[in-house]
């Protein structure tokens, strides 16, 4: 993270454009995509990557789903779903972003500089998605698609379909099949210091709480809530999803 302070804003943007393979017409998009929310306190919400990450997550999902569908015509729905989950996982995206050299470009606020590798791992994942969103807004689907294909495409393999499914995806399958509706996650609390917060989420189905969990990020707490729900519903044991979070 200290490396980011050795680069000025213009240098960060130029290097990010090189990584993306696109010269941005709207430099504010690429600048925001590199800015952690902790570095944009007191500024408009558009100054950090949060909104771009939201958009990029959906665009990335559509790109990956389409490419898998076309590349593996004999793979069934379950295999396609698991392959997509593996490709857009936080672990995969943060690894790709780190390999691209994104880490030194991320602008972090003082409150995040004590989080170490955990904070950077989350930021790398979020910035990758934000870059996809920024490319889509500035240049359209084609350049966003090209970026994802170039950076994430080499990881595509039929073996991805064989990886263990995530607890949230497993719960989604079960509730859709057995209850004909999907789960809804709600963040109920955020505690602790800014550099080491604990998030707690619950998961609801048809207005009924079926699980609760905590973790070091919102995503981790949702995953833990899904594990808790699967255990309570009798579809899993507590040790089936190691590392998914802490259930309560």
C-alpha atoms as a PDB file:
ATOM      1  CA  UNK A   1       0.000   0.000   0.000  1.00  0.00           C
ATOM      2  CA  UNK A   2       2.895   2.362   0.593  1.00  0.00           C
ATOM      3  CA  UNK A   3       3.779   2.120  -3.092  1.00  0.00           C
ATOM      4  CA  UNK A   4       0.537   3.888  -4.028  1.00  0.00           C
ATOM      5  CA  UNK A   5       1.771   7.062  -2.306  1.00  0.00           C
ATOM      6  CA  UNK A   6       4.849   7.215  -4.564  1.00  0.00           C
ATOM      7  CA  UNK A   7       2.636   7.676  -7.627  1.00  0.00           C
ATOM      8  CA  UNK A   8       0.670  10.800  -8.336  1.00  0.00           C
ATOM      9  CA  UNK A   9      -2.893  10.694  -9.633  1.00  0.00           C
ATOM     10  CA  UNK A  10      -1.850  11.100 -13.261  1.00  0.00           C
ATOM     11  CA  UNK A  11       0.663   8.243 -13.032  1.00  0.00           C
ATOM     12  CA  UNK A  12      -1.876   5.932 -11.392  1.00  0.00           C
ATOM     13  CA  UNK A  13      -4.426   6.642 -14.104  1.00  0.00           C
ATOM     14  CA  UNK A  14      -1.868   6.098 -16.878  1.00  0.00           C
ATOM     15  CA  UNK A  15      -0.756   2.760 -15.457  1.00  0.00           C
ATOM     16  CA  UNK A  16      -4.358   1.628 -14.916  1.00  0.00           C
ATOM     17  CA  UNK A  17      -5.173   2.534 -18.521  1.00  0.00           C
ATOM     18  CA  UNK A  18      -2.217   0.421 -19.651  1.00  0.00           C
ATOM     19  CA  UNK A  19      -3.502  -2.515 -17.593  1.00  0.00           C
ATOM     20  CA  UNK A  20      -7.009  -2.082 -19.013  1.00  0.00           C
ATOM     21  CA  UNK A  21      -5.771  -1.579 -22.564  1.00  0.00           C
ATOM     22  CA  UNK A  22      -7.953   1.521 -22.934  1.00  0.00           C
ATOM     23  CA  UNK A  23      -7.437   5.281 -22.785  1.00  0.00           C
ATOM     24  CA  UNK A  24     -10.379   6.641 -20.799  1.00  0.00           C
ATOM     25  CA  UNK A  25     -12.304   9.591 -22.106  1.00  0.00           C
ATOM     26  CA  UNK A  26     -13.662  10.179 -18.619  1.00  0.00           C
ATOM     27  CA  UNK A  27     -10.617  10.027 -16.335  1.00  0.00           C
ATOM     28  CA  UNK A  28     -12.822  10.354 -13.251  1.00  0.00           C
ATOM     29  CA  UNK A  29     -14.114   6.817 -13.848  1.00  0.00           C
ATOM     30  CA  UNK A  30     -10.709   5.162 -13.767  1.00  0.00           C
ATOM     31  CA  UNK A  31      -9.654   7.369 -10.852  1.00  0.00           C
ATOM     32  CA  UNK A  32     -12.719   6.339  -8.826  1.00  0.00           C
ATOM     33  CA  UNK A  33     -12.158   2.665  -9.696  1.00  0.00           C
ATOM     34  CA  UNK A  34      -8.777   2.855  -7.928  1.00  0.00           C
ATOM     35  CA  UNK A  35     -10.042   4.673  -4.825  1.00  0.00           C
ATOM     36  CA  UNK A  36     -10.954   2.768  -1.651  1.00  0.00           C
ATOM     37  CA  UNK A  37     -13.996   4.219   0.197  1.00  0.00           C
ATOM     38  CA  UNK A  38     -11.744   5.022   3.158  1.00  0.00           C
ATOM     39  CA  UNK A  39      -9.888   7.511   0.961  1.00  0.00           C
ATOM     40  CA  UNK A  40     -13.084   9.250  -0.154  1.00  0.00           C
ATOM     41  CA  UNK A  41     -14.636  10.124   3.199  1.00  0.00           C
ATOM     42  CA  UNK A  42     -16.548  13.396   2.991  1.00  0.00           C
ATOM     43  CA  UNK A  43     -16.628  13.222  -0.799  1.00  0.00           C
ATOM     44  CA  UNK A  44     -19.494  12.198  -3.150  1.00  0.00           C
ATOM     45  CA  UNK A  45     -20.199   8.467  -3.282  1.00  0.00           C
ATOM     46  CA  UNK A  46     -18.982   8.455  -6.888  1.00  0.00           C
ATOM     47  CA  UNK A  47     -15.451   9.319  -5.712  1.00  0.00           C
ATOM     48  CA  UNK A  48     -14.715   5.739  -4.630  1.00  0.00           C
ATOM     49  CA  UNK A  49     -15.050   2.373  -6.345  1.00  0.00           C
ATOM     50  CA  UNK A  50     -18.232   1.235  -4.556  1.00  0.00           C
ATOM     51  CA  UNK A  51     -20.778   2.127  -7.266  1.00  0.00           C
ATOM     52  CA  UNK A  52     -18.479   0.955 -10.065  1.00  0.00           C
ATOM     53  CA  UNK A  53     -17.906  -2.309  -8.203  1.00  0.00           C
ATOM     54  CA  UNK A  54     -21.683  -2.837  -8.035  1.00  0.00           C
ATOM     55  CA  UNK A  55     -22.029  -2.354 -11.780  1.00  0.00           C
ATOM     56  CA  UNK A  56     -18.874  -4.269 -12.631  1.00  0.00           C
ATOM     57  CA  UNK A  57     -19.993  -7.281 -10.617  1.00  0.00           C
ATOM     58  CA  UNK A  58     -23.097  -7.634 -12.807  1.00  0.00           C
ATOM     59  CA  UNK A  59     -21.252  -6.976 -16.073  1.00  0.00           C
ATOM     60  CA  UNK A  60     -18.528  -9.466 -15.126  1.00  0.00           C
ATOM     61  CA  UNK A  61     -21.130 -12.100 -14.272  1.00  0.00           C
ATOM     62  CA  UNK A  62     -22.829 -11.683 -17.651  1.00  0.00           C
ATOM     63  CA  UNK A  63     -19.528 -11.863 -19.534  1.00  0.00           C
ATOM     64  CA  UNK A  64     -18.349 -14.979 -17.712  1.00  0.00           C
ATOM     65  CA  UNK A  65     -21.728 -16.722 -18.015  1.00  0.00           C
ATOM     66  CA  UNK A  66     -21.904 -16.030 -21.771  1.00  0.00           C
ATOM     67  CA  UNK A  67     -18.341 -17.177 -22.402  1.00  0.00           C
ATOM     68  CA  UNK A  68     -18.801 -20.400 -20.422  1.00  0.00           C
ATOM     69  CA  UNK A  69     -22.094 -21.109 -22.197  1.00  0.00           C
ATOM     70  CA  UNK A  70     -20.449 -20.733 -25.602  1.00  0.00           C
ATOM     71  CA  UNK A  71     -17.175 -22.459 -24.749  1.00  0.00           C
ATOM     72  CA  UNK A  72     -18.652 -25.580 -23.131  1.00  0.00           C
ATOM     73  CA  UNK A  73     -21.797 -26.582 -25.091  1.00  0.00           C
ATOM     74  CA  UNK A  74     -21.986 -29.975 -23.368  1.00  0.00           C
ATOM     75  CA  UNK A  75     -21.660 -28.719 -19.785  1.00  0.00           C
ATOM     76  CA  UNK A  76     -24.888 -28.864 -17.762  1.00  0.00           C
ATOM     77  CA  UNK A  77     -26.369 -26.023 -15.724  1.00  0.00           C
ATOM     78  CA  UNK A  78     -24.799 -27.194 -12.483  1.00  0.00           C
ATOM     79  CA  UNK A  79     -21.343 -27.340 -14.045  1.00  0.00           C
ATOM     80  CA  UNK A  80     -21.719 -23.929 -15.660  1.00  0.00           C
ATOM     81  CA  UNK A  81     -22.879 -22.446 -12.360  1.00  0.00           C
ATOM     82  CA  UNK A  82     -19.942 -23.871 -10.424  1.00  0.00           C
ATOM     83  CA  UNK A  83     -17.437 -22.797 -13.065  1.00  0.00           C
ATOM     84  CA  UNK A  84     -18.824 -19.258 -12.960  1.00  0.00           C
ATOM     85  CA  UNK A  85     -18.705 -19.195  -9.156  1.00  0.00           C
ATOM     86  CA  UNK A  86     -15.061 -20.273  -9.216  1.00  0.00           C
ATOM     87  CA  UNK A  87     -14.094 -17.662 -11.805  1.00  0.00           C
ATOM     88  CA  UNK A  88     -15.722 -14.683 -10.088  1.00  0.00           C
ATOM     89  CA  UNK A  89     -14.733 -15.688  -6.549  1.00  0.00           C
ATOM     90  CA  UNK A  90     -12.933 -13.146  -4.417  1.00  0.00           C
ATOM     91  CA  UNK A  91      -9.853 -15.342  -4.274  1.00  0.00           C
ATOM     92  CA  UNK A  92      -9.644 -15.575  -8.065  1.00  0.00           C
ATOM     93  CA  UNK A  93     -10.287 -11.886  -8.767  1.00  0.00           C
ATOM     94  CA  UNK A  94      -7.851 -10.642  -6.138  1.00  0.00           C
ATOM     95  CA  UNK A  95      -5.169 -12.982  -7.484  1.00  0.00           C
ATOM     96  CA  UNK A  96      -5.731 -11.772 -11.048  1.00  0.00           C
ATOM     97  CA  UNK A  97      -5.679  -8.111  -9.987  1.00  0.00           C
ATOM     98  CA  UNK A  98      -2.493  -8.606  -8.007  1.00  0.00           C
ATOM     99  CA  UNK A  99      -0.847 -10.295 -10.982  1.00  0.00           C
ATOM    100  CA  UNK A 100      -1.805  -7.351 -13.180  1.00  0.00           C
ATOM    101  CA  UNK A 101       0.002  -4.969 -10.838  1.00  0.00           C
ATOM    102  CA  UNK A 102      -3.110  -3.258  -9.488  1.00  0.00           C
ATOM    103  CA  UNK A 103      -2.095  -3.219  -5.794  1.00  0.00           C
ATOM    104  CA  UNK A 104       0.332  -0.232  -5.974  1.00  0.00           C
ATOM    105  CA  UNK A 105      -2.330   1.811  -7.752  1.00  0.00           C
ATOM    106  CA  UNK A 106      -5.031   1.568  -5.077  1.00  0.00           C
ATOM    107  CA  UNK A 107      -5.546   4.686  -2.978  1.00  0.00           C
ATOM    108  CA  UNK A 108      -6.286   3.711   0.623  1.00  0.00           C
ATOM    109  CA  UNK A 109      -7.339   5.911   3.527  1.00  0.00           C
ATOM    110  CA  UNK A 110      -5.486   5.953   6.841  1.00  0.00           C
ATOM    111  CA  UNK A 111      -8.148   3.753   8.479  1.00  0.00           C
ATOM    112  CA  UNK A 112      -7.404   0.930   6.029  1.00  0.00           C
ATOM    113  CA  UNK A 113      -3.631   1.020   6.097  1.00  0.00           C
ATOM    114  CA  UNK A 114      -3.490  -1.182   9.188  1.00  0.00           C
ATOM    115  CA  UNK A 115      -5.537  -4.029   7.732  1.00  0.00           C
ATOM    116  CA  UNK A 116      -2.572  -5.647   5.973  1.00  0.00           C
ATOM    117  CA  UNK A 117      -3.064  -8.448   3.491  1.00  0.00           C
ATOM    118  CA  UNK A 118      -6.725  -8.988   4.450  1.00  0.00           C
ATOM    119  CA  UNK A 119      -7.637  -5.417   3.529  1.00  0.00           C
ATOM    120  CA  UNK A 120      -5.622  -5.515   0.307  1.00  0.00           C
ATOM    121  CA  UNK A 121      -7.161  -8.856  -0.718  1.00  0.00           C
ATOM    122  CA  UNK A 122     -10.657  -7.367  -0.480  1.00  0.00           C
ATOM    123  CA  UNK A 123      -9.613  -4.149  -2.208  1.00  0.00           C
ATOM    124  CA  UNK A 124      -8.017  -6.009  -5.126  1.00  0.00           C
ATOM    125  CA  UNK A 125     -11.212  -7.977  -5.741  1.00  0.00           C
ATOM    126  CA  UNK A 126     -13.342  -4.844  -5.569  1.00  0.00           C
ATOM    127  CA  UNK A 127     -11.056  -2.816  -7.835  1.00  0.00           C
ATOM    128  CA  UNK A 128     -11.045  -5.538 -10.500  1.00  0.00           C
ATOM    129  CA  UNK A 129     -14.853  -5.407 -10.616  1.00  0.00           C
ATOM    130  CA  UNK A 130     -14.752  -1.602 -10.568  1.00  0.00           C
ATOM    131  CA  UNK A 131     -12.381  -1.579 -13.546  1.00  0.00           C
ATOM    132  CA  UNK A 132     -14.846  -3.734 -15.484  1.00  0.00           C
ATOM    133  CA  UNK A 133     -17.630  -1.306 -14.590  1.00  0.00           C
ATOM    134  CA  UNK A 134     -15.527   1.720 -15.549  1.00  0.00           C
ATOM    135  CA  UNK A 135     -14.589   0.175 -18.904  1.00  0.00           C
ATOM    136  CA  UNK A 136     -18.220  -0.615 -19.624  1.00  0.00           C
ATOM    137  CA  UNK A 137     -19.336   2.956 -18.901  1.00  0.00           C
ATOM    138  CA  UNK A 138     -16.504   4.620 -20.800  1.00  0.00           C
ATOM    139  CA  UNK A 139     -16.198   2.321 -23.819  1.00  0.00           C
ATOM    140  CA  UNK A 140     -19.061  -0.174 -23.857  1.00  0.00           C
ATOM    141  CA  UNK A 141     -19.410  -3.925 -23.642  1.00  0.00           C
ATOM    142  CA  UNK A 142     -16.706  -4.789 -26.185  1.00  0.00           C
ATOM    143  CA  UNK A 143     -13.670  -3.366 -24.359  1.00  0.00           C
ATOM    144  CA  UNK A 144     -14.997  -4.632 -21.001  1.00  0.00           C
ATOM    145  CA  UNK A 145     -15.410  -8.083 -22.536  1.00  0.00           C
ATOM    146  CA  UNK A 146     -11.915  -7.948 -24.044  1.00  0.00           C
ATOM    147  CA  UNK A 147     -10.386  -7.025 -20.671  1.00  0.00           C
ATOM    148  CA  UNK A 148     -12.120  -9.914 -18.894  1.00  0.00           C
ATOM    149  CA  UNK A 149     -11.188 -12.378 -21.632  1.00  0.00           C
ATOM    150  CA  UNK A 150      -7.538 -11.299 -21.554  1.00  0.00           C
ATOM    151  CA  UNK A 151      -7.158 -11.341 -17.775  1.00  0.00           C
ATOM    152  CA  UNK A 152      -9.599 -13.991 -16.569  1.00  0.00           C
ATOM    153  CA  UNK A 153      -9.877 -16.100 -19.731  1.00  0.00           C
ATOM    154  CA  UNK A 154      -6.641 -18.066 -19.161  1.00  0.00           C
ATOM    155  CA  UNK A 155      -8.148 -19.438 -15.929  1.00  0.00           C
ATOM    156  CA  UNK A 156     -11.140 -21.001 -17.713  1.00  0.00           C
ATOM    157  CA  UNK A 157     -11.090 -24.789 -17.554  1.00  0.00           C
ATOM    158  CA  UNK A 158     -13.674 -27.600 -17.363  1.00  0.00           C
ATOM    159  CA  UNK A 159     -12.069 -28.519 -14.019  1.00  0.00           C
ATOM    160  CA  UNK A 160     -13.629 -25.393 -12.510  1.00  0.00           C
ATOM    161  CA  UNK A 161     -16.991 -27.156 -12.657  1.00  0.00           C
ATOM    162  CA  UNK A 162     -15.713 -29.771 -10.219  1.00  0.00           C
ATOM    163  CA  UNK A 163     -14.722 -27.377  -7.436  1.00  0.00           C
ATOM    164  CA  UNK A 164     -16.788 -27.392  -4.219  1.00  0.00           C
ATOM    165  CA  UNK A 165     -19.751 -25.058  -4.429  1.00  0.00           C
ATOM    166  CA  UNK A 166     -19.898 -22.028  -2.118  1.00  0.00           C
ATOM    167  CA  UNK A 167     -22.353 -22.011   0.812  1.00  0.00           C
ATOM    168  CA  UNK A 168     -24.350 -19.104  -0.664  1.00  0.00           C
ATOM    169  CA  UNK A 169     -24.723 -20.895  -3.990  1.00  0.00           C
ATOM    170  CA  UNK A 170     -25.687 -24.148  -2.264  1.00  0.00           C
ATOM    171  CA  UNK A 171     -28.335 -22.354  -0.207  1.00  0.00           C
ATOM    172  CA  UNK A 172     -29.627 -20.625  -3.345  1.00  0.00           C
ATOM    173  CA  UNK A 173     -30.064 -23.996  -5.082  1.00  0.00           C
ATOM    174  CA  UNK A 174     -31.859 -25.530  -2.099  1.00  0.00           C
ATOM    175  CA  UNK A 175     -34.259 -22.665  -1.459  1.00  0.00           C
ATOM    176  CA  UNK A 176     -35.114 -22.305  -5.151  1.00  0.00           C
ATOM    177  CA  UNK A 177     -35.804 -26.039  -5.444  1.00  0.00           C
ATOM    178  CA  UNK A 178     -37.577 -26.659  -2.121  1.00  0.00           C
ATOM    179  CA  UNK A 179     -39.184 -23.297  -1.368  1.00  0.00           C
ATOM    180  CA  UNK A 180     -39.440 -21.798  -4.869  1.00  0.00           C
ATOM    181  CA  UNK A 181     -37.817 -18.540  -3.798  1.00  0.00           C
ATOM    182  CA  UNK A 182     -34.335 -17.246  -3.214  1.00  0.00           C
ATOM    183  CA  UNK A 183     -32.672 -16.208   0.057  1.00  0.00           C
ATOM    184  CA  UNK A 184     -32.364 -12.556   1.063  1.00  0.00           C
ATOM    185  CA  UNK A 185     -29.361 -11.296   3.050  1.00  0.00           C
ATOM    186  CA  UNK A 186     -29.510  -8.377   5.468  1.00  0.00           C
ATOM    187  CA  UNK A 187     -26.639  -6.701   7.295  1.00  0.00           C
ATOM    188  CA  UNK A 188     -27.770  -6.277  10.918  1.00  0.00           C
ATOM    189  CA  UNK A 189     -24.660  -4.865  12.578  1.00  0.00           C
ATOM    190  CA  UNK A 190     -21.144  -3.555  12.064  1.00  0.00           C
ATOM    191  CA  UNK A 191     -18.926  -3.408  15.132  1.00  0.00           C
ATOM    192  CA  UNK A 192     -15.297  -2.830  16.050  1.00  0.00           C
ATOM    193  CA  UNK A 193     -12.667  -0.348  14.844  1.00  0.00           C
ATOM    194  CA  UNK A 194     -12.541   0.749  11.202  1.00  0.00           C
ATOM    195  CA  UNK A 195      -9.328  -1.180  10.569  1.00  0.00           C
ATOM    196  CA  UNK A 196     -10.734  -4.441  11.997  1.00  0.00           C
ATOM    197  CA  UNK A 197     -14.547  -4.463  11.769  1.00  0.00           C
ATOM    198  CA  UNK A 198     -16.907  -7.362  12.411  1.00  0.00           C
ATOM    199  CA  UNK A 199     -20.024  -7.570  10.240  1.00  0.00           C
ATOM    200  CA  UNK A 200     -23.103  -9.623  11.144  1.00  0.00           C
ATOM    201  CA  UNK A 201     -25.731 -10.642   8.594  1.00  0.00           C
ATOM    202  CA  UNK A 202     -28.889 -12.732   8.621  1.00  0.00           C
ATOM    203  CA  UNK A 203     -30.396 -14.675   5.755  1.00  0.00           C
ATOM    204  CA  UNK A 204     -34.164 -14.680   5.258  1.00  0.00           C
ATOM    205  CA  UNK A 205     -36.544 -16.805   3.198  1.00  0.00           C
ATOM    206  CA  UNK A 206     -40.112 -15.589   2.818  1.00  0.00           C
ATOM    207  CA  UNK A 207     -39.579 -13.195   5.706  1.00  0.00           C
ATOM    208  CA  UNK A 208     -38.307 -15.891   8.063  1.00  0.00           C
ATOM    209  CA  UNK A 209     -34.760 -15.850   9.411  1.00  0.00           C
ATOM    210  CA  UNK A 210     -33.009 -19.132   8.658  1.00  0.00           C
ATOM    211  CA  UNK A 211     -29.397 -18.251   9.421  1.00  0.00           C
ATOM    212  CA  UNK A 212     -27.063 -15.750  11.044  1.00  0.00           C
ATOM    213  CA  UNK A 213     -23.312 -15.245  10.728  1.00  0.00           C
ATOM    214  CA  UNK A 214     -20.406 -12.888  11.297  1.00  0.00           C
ATOM    215  CA  UNK A 215     -17.193 -12.144   9.449  1.00  0.00           C
ATOM    216  CA  UNK A 216     -14.529  -9.541   8.678  1.00  0.00           C
ATOM    217  CA  UNK A 217     -16.458  -8.270   5.640  1.00  0.00           C
ATOM    218  CA  UNK A 218     -20.071  -8.065   4.532  1.00  0.00           C
ATOM    219  CA  UNK A 219     -19.483 -10.903   2.062  1.00  0.00           C
ATOM    220  CA  UNK A 220     -17.894 -13.087   4.747  1.00  0.00           C
ATOM    221  CA  UNK A 221     -20.811 -12.505   7.117  1.00  0.00           C
ATOM    222  CA  UNK A 222     -23.300 -13.467   4.390  1.00  0.00           C
ATOM    223  CA  UNK A 223     -21.322 -16.621   3.674  1.00  0.00           C
ATOM    224  CA  UNK A 224     -21.318 -17.479   7.384  1.00  0.00           C
ATOM    225  CA  UNK A 225     -25.081 -16.880   7.548  1.00  0.00           C
ATOM    226  CA  UNK A 226     -25.548 -19.252   4.603  1.00  0.00           C
ATOM    227  CA  UNK A 227     -23.489 -21.928   6.384  1.00  0.00           C
ATOM    228  CA  UNK A 228     -25.587 -21.470   9.528  1.00  0.00           C
ATOM    229  CA  UNK A 229     -28.769 -21.830   7.459  1.00  0.00           C
ATOM    230  CA  UNK A 230     -27.536 -24.990   5.726  1.00  0.00           C
ATOM    231  CA  UNK A 231     -26.664 -26.533   9.098  1.00  0.00           C
ATOM    232  CA  UNK A 232     -30.004 -25.560  10.653  1.00  0.00           C
ATOM    233  CA  UNK A 233     -31.902 -26.912   7.630  1.00  0.00           C
ATOM    234  CA  UNK A 234     -30.005 -30.192   7.839  1.00  0.00           C
ATOM    235  CA  UNK A 235     -28.178 -29.898   4.513  1.00  0.00           C
ATOM    236  CA  UNK A 236     -24.658 -29.552   5.918  1.00  0.00           C
ATOM    237  CA  UNK A 237     -22.456 -30.110   8.939  1.00  0.00           C
ATOM    238  CA  UNK A 238     -20.539 -27.290  10.575  1.00  0.00           C
ATOM    239  CA  UNK A 239     -17.212 -28.490   9.149  1.00  0.00           C
ATOM    240  CA  UNK A 240     -18.399 -28.724   5.547  1.00  0.00           C
ATOM    241  CA  UNK A 241     -17.450 -25.143   4.679  1.00  0.00           C
ATOM    242  CA  UNK A 242     -14.213 -24.382   6.493  1.00  0.00           C
ATOM    243  CA  UNK A 243     -13.232 -20.741   6.315  1.00  0.00           C
ATOM    244  CA  UNK A 244     -16.690 -19.497   5.374  1.00  0.00           C
ATOM    245  CA  UNK A 245     -16.945 -17.324   8.444  1.00  0.00           C
ATOM    246  CA  UNK A 246     -18.123 -17.571  12.020  1.00  0.00           C
ATOM    247  CA  UNK A 247     -21.684 -18.668  12.631  1.00  0.00           C
ATOM    248  CA  UNK A 248     -23.646 -17.480  15.625  1.00  0.00           C
END
